[in-house]
């Protein structure tokens, strides 16, 4: 999932260099959302993974 966030950041950088401000802003927004979702899912997997008992 972080791969998608990095992809959108690269798209945003290229669009910003070429002068497409609207596309760059949208790509950065999408990258932020994907990064936050990835972090939340990672933390949830850590919390719920520890809840399982080791047999």
PDB file of N, CA and C in Angstrom:
ATOM      1  N   UNK A   1       0.824  -1.185   0.000  1.00  0.00           N
ATOM      2  CA  UNK A   1       0.000   0.000   0.000  1.00  0.00           C
ATOM      3  C   UNK A   1       0.871   1.252   0.000  1.00  0.00           C
ATOM      4  N   UNK A   2       2.026   1.145   0.644  1.00  0.00           N
ATOM      5  CA  UNK A   2       2.930   2.290   0.609  1.00  0.00           C
ATOM      6  C   UNK A   2       3.469   2.503  -0.801  1.00  0.00           C
ATOM      7  N   UNK A   3       3.520   1.439  -1.580  1.00  0.00           N
ATOM      8  CA  UNK A   3       3.942   1.561  -2.970  1.00  0.00           C
ATOM      9  C   UNK A   3       3.013   2.469  -3.763  1.00  0.00           C
ATOM     10  N   UNK A   4       1.718   2.343  -3.510  1.00  0.00           N
ATOM     11  CA  UNK A   4       0.746   3.212  -4.177  1.00  0.00           C
ATOM     12  C   UNK A   4       0.935   4.658  -3.744  1.00  0.00           C
ATOM     13  N   UNK A   5       1.187   4.868  -2.461  1.00  0.00           N
ATOM     14  CA  UNK A   5       1.388   6.236  -1.970  1.00  0.00           C
ATOM     15  C   UNK A   5       2.622   6.867  -2.610  1.00  0.00           C
ATOM     16  N   UNK A   6       3.690   6.089  -2.717  1.00  0.00           N
ATOM     17  CA  UNK A   6       4.904   6.606  -3.351  1.00  0.00           C
ATOM     18  C   UNK A   6       4.662   6.885  -4.826  1.00  0.00           C
ATOM     19  N   UNK A   7       3.896   6.016  -5.487  1.00  0.00           N
ATOM     20  CA  UNK A   7       3.569   6.231  -6.896  1.00  0.00           C
ATOM     21  C   UNK A   7       2.835   7.543  -7.101  1.00  0.00           C
ATOM     22  N   UNK A   8       1.839   7.807  -6.256  1.00  0.00           N
ATOM     23  CA  UNK A   8       1.092   9.051  -6.388  1.00  0.00           C
ATOM     24  C   UNK A   8       1.955  10.264  -6.053  1.00  0.00           C
ATOM     25  N   UNK A   9       2.888  10.120  -5.129  1.00  0.00           N
ATOM     26  CA  UNK A   9       3.805  11.228  -4.837  1.00  0.00           C
ATOM     27  C   UNK A   9       4.713  11.530  -6.028  1.00  0.00           C
ATOM     28  N   UNK A  10       5.172  10.487  -6.699  1.00  0.00           N
ATOM     29  CA  UNK A  10       6.004  10.696  -7.883  1.00  0.00           C
ATOM     30  C   UNK A  10       5.191  11.359  -8.990  1.00  0.00           C
ATOM     31  N   UNK A  11       3.950  10.918  -9.170  1.00  0.00           N
ATOM     32  CA  UNK A  11       3.073  11.551 -10.160  1.00  0.00           C
ATOM     33  C   UNK A  11       2.872  13.022  -9.816  1.00  0.00           C
ATOM     34  N   UNK A  12       2.696  13.318  -8.536  1.00  0.00           N
ATOM     35  CA  UNK A  12       2.497  14.709  -8.109  1.00  0.00           C
ATOM     36  C   UNK A  12       3.746  15.547  -8.386  1.00  0.00           C
ATOM     37  N   UNK A  13       4.919  14.990  -8.136  1.00  0.00           N
ATOM     38  CA  UNK A  13       6.151  15.732  -8.396  1.00  0.00           C
ATOM     39  C   UNK A  13       6.332  16.018  -9.884  1.00  0.00           C
ATOM     40  N   UNK A  14       6.072  15.023 -10.705  1.00  0.00           N
ATOM     41  CA  UNK A  14       6.197  15.217 -12.152  1.00  0.00           C
ATOM     42  C   UNK A  14       5.183  16.242 -12.640  1.00  0.00           C
ATOM     43  N   UNK A  15       3.945  16.152 -12.156  1.00  0.00           N
ATOM     44  CA  UNK A  15       2.916  17.103 -12.569  1.00  0.00           C
ATOM     45  C   UNK A  15       3.261  18.515 -12.103  1.00  0.00           C
ATOM     46  N   UNK A  16       3.834  18.637 -10.920  1.00  0.00           N
ATOM     47  CA  UNK A  16       4.206  19.967 -10.415  1.00  0.00           C
ATOM     48  C   UNK A  16       5.323  20.574 -11.251  1.00  0.00           C
ATOM     49  N   UNK A  17       6.290  19.758 -11.636  1.00  0.00           N
ATOM     50  CA  UNK A  17       7.398  20.253 -12.459  1.00  0.00           C
ATOM     51  C   UNK A  17       6.879  20.711 -13.820  1.00  0.00           C
ATOM     52  N   UNK A  18       5.908  19.992 -14.365  1.00  0.00           N
ATOM     53  CA  UNK A  18       5.369  20.330 -15.676  1.00  0.00           C
ATOM     54  C   UNK A  18       4.326  21.445 -15.617  1.00  0.00           C
ATOM     55  N   UNK A  19       3.947  21.864 -14.428  1.00  0.00           N
ATOM     56  CA  UNK A  19       3.036  22.989 -14.292  1.00  0.00           C
ATOM     57  C   UNK A  19       1.567  22.632 -14.141  1.00  0.00           C
ATOM     58  N   UNK A  20       1.266  21.386 -13.914  1.00  0.00           N
ATOM     59  CA  UNK A  20      -0.124  20.975 -13.714  1.00  0.00           C
ATOM     60  C   UNK A  20      -0.445  20.991 -12.221  1.00  0.00           C
ATOM     61  N   UNK A  21      -0.772  22.153 -11.700  1.00  0.00           N
ATOM     62  CA  UNK A  21      -0.983  22.314 -10.268  1.00  0.00           C
ATOM     63  C   UNK A  21      -2.172  21.549  -9.730  1.00  0.00           C
ATOM     64  N   UNK A  22      -3.263  21.514 -10.484  1.00  0.00           N
ATOM     65  CA  UNK A  22      -4.463  20.815 -10.022  1.00  0.00           C
ATOM     66  C   UNK A  22      -4.248  19.325  -9.911  1.00  0.00           C
ATOM     67  N   UNK A  23      -3.610  18.763 -10.912  1.00  0.00           N
ATOM     68  CA  UNK A  23      -3.337  17.321 -10.894  1.00  0.00           C
ATOM     69  C   UNK A  23      -2.356  16.994  -9.777  1.00  0.00           C
ATOM     70  N   UNK A  24      -1.356  17.838  -9.585  1.00  0.00           N
ATOM     71  CA  UNK A  24      -0.367  17.608  -8.531  1.00  0.00           C
ATOM     72  C   UNK A  24      -1.026  17.640  -7.154  1.00  0.00           C
ATOM     73  N   UNK A  25      -1.908  18.598  -6.948  1.00  0.00           N
ATOM     74  CA  UNK A  25      -2.603  18.689  -5.659  1.00  0.00           C
ATOM     75  C   UNK A  25      -3.478  17.487  -5.392  1.00  0.00           C
ATOM     76  N   UNK A  26      -4.171  17.031  -6.430  1.00  0.00           N
ATOM     77  CA  UNK A  26      -5.023  15.854  -6.284  1.00  0.00           C
ATOM     78  C   UNK A  26      -4.197  14.611  -5.985  1.00  0.00           C
ATOM     79  N   UNK A  27      -3.082  14.452  -6.688  1.00  0.00           N
ATOM     80  CA  UNK A  27      -2.231  13.284  -6.470  1.00  0.00           C
ATOM     81  C   UNK A  27      -1.645  13.288  -5.063  1.00  0.00           C
ATOM     82  N   UNK A  28      -1.261  14.453  -4.562  1.00  0.00           N
ATOM     83  CA  UNK A  28      -0.741  14.540  -3.201  1.00  0.00           C
ATOM     84  C   UNK A  28      -1.833  14.186  -2.193  1.00  0.00           C
ATOM     85  N   UNK A  29      -3.045  14.652  -2.424  1.00  0.00           N
ATOM     86  CA  UNK A  29      -4.155  14.321  -1.532  1.00  0.00           C
ATOM     87  C   UNK A  29      -4.431  12.830  -1.492  1.00  0.00           C
ATOM     88  N   UNK A  30      -4.414  12.197  -2.657  1.00  0.00           N
ATOM     89  CA  UNK A  30      -4.630  10.751  -2.717  1.00  0.00           C
ATOM     90  C   UNK A  30      -3.496  10.021  -2.007  1.00  0.00           C
ATOM     91  N   UNK A  31      -2.267  10.471  -2.209  1.00  0.00           N
ATOM     92  CA  UNK A  31      -1.118   9.831  -1.560  1.00  0.00           C
ATOM     93  C   UNK A  31      -1.220   9.939  -0.041  1.00  0.00           C
ATOM     94  N   UNK A  32      -1.661  11.089   0.450  1.00  0.00           N
ATOM     95  CA  UNK A  32      -1.816  11.249   1.903  1.00  0.00           C
ATOM     96  C   UNK A  32      -2.868  10.294   2.452  1.00  0.00           C
ATOM     97  N   UNK A  33      -3.990  10.179   1.756  1.00  0.00           N
ATOM     98  CA  UNK A  33      -5.066   9.292   2.215  1.00  0.00           C
ATOM     99  C   UNK A  33      -4.589   7.846   2.231  1.00  0.00           C
ATOM    100  N   UNK A  34      -3.919   7.419   1.172  1.00  0.00           N
ATOM    101  CA  UNK A  34      -3.437   6.038   1.103  1.00  0.00           C
ATOM    102  C   UNK A  34      -2.402   5.773   2.197  1.00  0.00           C
ATOM    103  N   UNK A  35      -1.526   6.721   2.453  1.00  0.00           N
ATOM    104  CA  UNK A  35      -0.514   6.543   3.496  1.00  0.00           C
ATOM    105  C   UNK A  35      -1.162   6.431   4.876  1.00  0.00           C
ATOM    106  N   UNK A  36      -2.158   7.251   5.156  1.00  0.00           N
ATOM    107  CA  UNK A  36      -2.838   7.193   6.447  1.00  0.00           C
ATOM    108  C   UNK A  36      -3.565   5.866   6.610  1.00  0.00           C
ATOM    109  N   UNK A  37      -4.238   5.405   5.561  1.00  0.00           N
ATOM    110  CA  UNK A  37      -4.935   4.117   5.628  1.00  0.00           C
ATOM    111  C   UNK A  37      -3.936   2.991   5.862  1.00  0.00           C
ATOM    112  N   UNK A  38      -2.793   3.048   5.199  1.00  0.00           N
ATOM    113  CA  UNK A  38      -1.777   2.008   5.391  1.00  0.00           C
ATOM    114  C   UNK A  38      -1.259   1.999   6.822  1.00  0.00           C
ATOM    115  N   UNK A  39      -1.033   3.162   7.385  1.00  0.00           N
ATOM    116  CA  UNK A  39      -0.540   3.236   8.764  1.00  0.00           C
ATOM    117  C   UNK A  39      -1.590   2.721   9.742  1.00  0.00           C
ATOM    118  N   UNK A  40      -2.852   3.086   9.528  1.00  0.00           N
ATOM    119  CA  UNK A  40      -3.936   2.620  10.406  1.00  0.00           C
ATOM    120  C   UNK A  40      -4.066   1.101  10.325  1.00  0.00           C
ATOM    121  N   UNK A  41      -4.010   0.540   9.120  1.00  0.00           N
ATOM    122  CA  UNK A  41      -4.105  -0.912   8.985  1.00  0.00           C
ATOM    123  C   UNK A  41      -2.904  -1.612   9.619  1.00  0.00           C
ATOM    124  N   UNK A  42      -1.728  -1.016   9.509  1.00  0.00           N
ATOM    125  CA  UNK A  42      -0.540  -1.597  10.136  1.00  0.00           C
ATOM    126  C   UNK A  42      -0.684  -1.626  11.654  1.00  0.00           C
ATOM    127  N   UNK A  43      -1.125  -0.528  12.229  1.00  0.00           N
ATOM    128  CA  UNK A  43      -1.301  -0.458  13.680  1.00  0.00           C
ATOM    129  C   UNK A  43      -2.385  -1.426  14.138  1.00  0.00           C
ATOM    130  N   UNK A  44      -3.484  -1.522  13.373  1.00  0.00           N
ATOM    131  CA  UNK A  44      -4.549  -2.458  13.728  1.00  0.00           C
ATOM    132  C   UNK A  44      -4.052  -3.896  13.674  1.00  0.00           C
ATOM    133  N   UNK A  45      -3.230  -4.221  12.681  1.00  0.00           N
ATOM    134  CA  UNK A  45      -2.713  -5.585  12.603  1.00  0.00           C
ATOM    135  C   UNK A  45      -1.766  -5.883  13.759  1.00  0.00           C
ATOM    136  N   UNK A  46      -1.013  -4.880  14.203  1.00  0.00           N
ATOM    137  CA  UNK A  46      -0.154  -5.091  15.370  1.00  0.00           C
ATOM    138  C   UNK A  46      -0.976  -5.342  16.626  1.00  0.00           C
ATOM    139  N   UNK A  47      -2.022  -4.544  16.810  1.00  0.00           N
ATOM    140  CA  UNK A  47      -2.845  -4.670  18.021  1.00  0.00           C
ATOM    141  C   UNK A  47      -3.595  -5.989  18.035  1.00  0.00           C
ATOM    142  N   UNK A  48      -4.255  -6.324  16.928  1.00  0.00           N
ATOM    143  CA  UNK A  48      -5.051  -7.545  16.909  1.00  0.00           C
ATOM    144  C   UNK A  48      -4.183  -8.791  16.792  1.00  0.00           C
ATOM    145  N   UNK A  49      -2.996  -8.653  16.271  1.00  0.00           N
ATOM    146  CA  UNK A  49      -2.081  -9.792  16.198  1.00  0.00           C
ATOM    147  C   UNK A  49      -1.558 -10.183  17.558  1.00  0.00           C
ATOM    148  N   UNK A  50      -1.401  -9.202  18.454  1.00  0.00           N
ATOM    149  CA  UNK A  50      -0.933  -9.499  19.811  1.00  0.00           C
ATOM    150  C   UNK A  50      -2.032 -10.124  20.660  1.00  0.00           C
ATOM    151  N   UNK A  51      -3.277  -9.952  20.275  1.00  0.00           N
ATOM    152  CA  UNK A  51      -4.382 -10.495  21.040  1.00  0.00           C
ATOM    153  C   UNK A  51      -4.489 -12.000  20.968  1.00  0.00           C
ATOM    154  N   UNK A  52      -3.879 -12.582  19.955  1.00  0.00           N
ATOM    155  CA  UNK A  52      -3.936 -14.030  19.805  1.00  0.00           C
ATOM    156  C   UNK A  52      -2.977 -14.685  20.793  1.00  0.00           C
ATOM    157  N   UNK A  53      -3.439 -15.738  21.416  1.00  0.00           N
ATOM    158  CA  UNK A  53      -2.585 -16.426  22.382  1.00  0.00           C
ATOM    159  C   UNK A  53      -1.653 -17.392  21.664  1.00  0.00           C
ATOM    160  N   UNK A  54      -0.473 -17.518  22.180  1.00  0.00           N
ATOM    161  CA  UNK A  54       0.492 -18.462  21.617  1.00  0.00           C
ATOM    162  C   UNK A  54       0.323 -19.812  22.306  1.00  0.00           C
ATOM    163  N   UNK A  55       0.152 -20.820  21.520  1.00  0.00           N
ATOM    164  CA  UNK A  55      -0.062 -22.154  22.093  1.00  0.00           C
ATOM    165  C   UNK A  55       1.197 -22.966  22.029  1.00  0.00           C
TER     166      UNK A  55
END
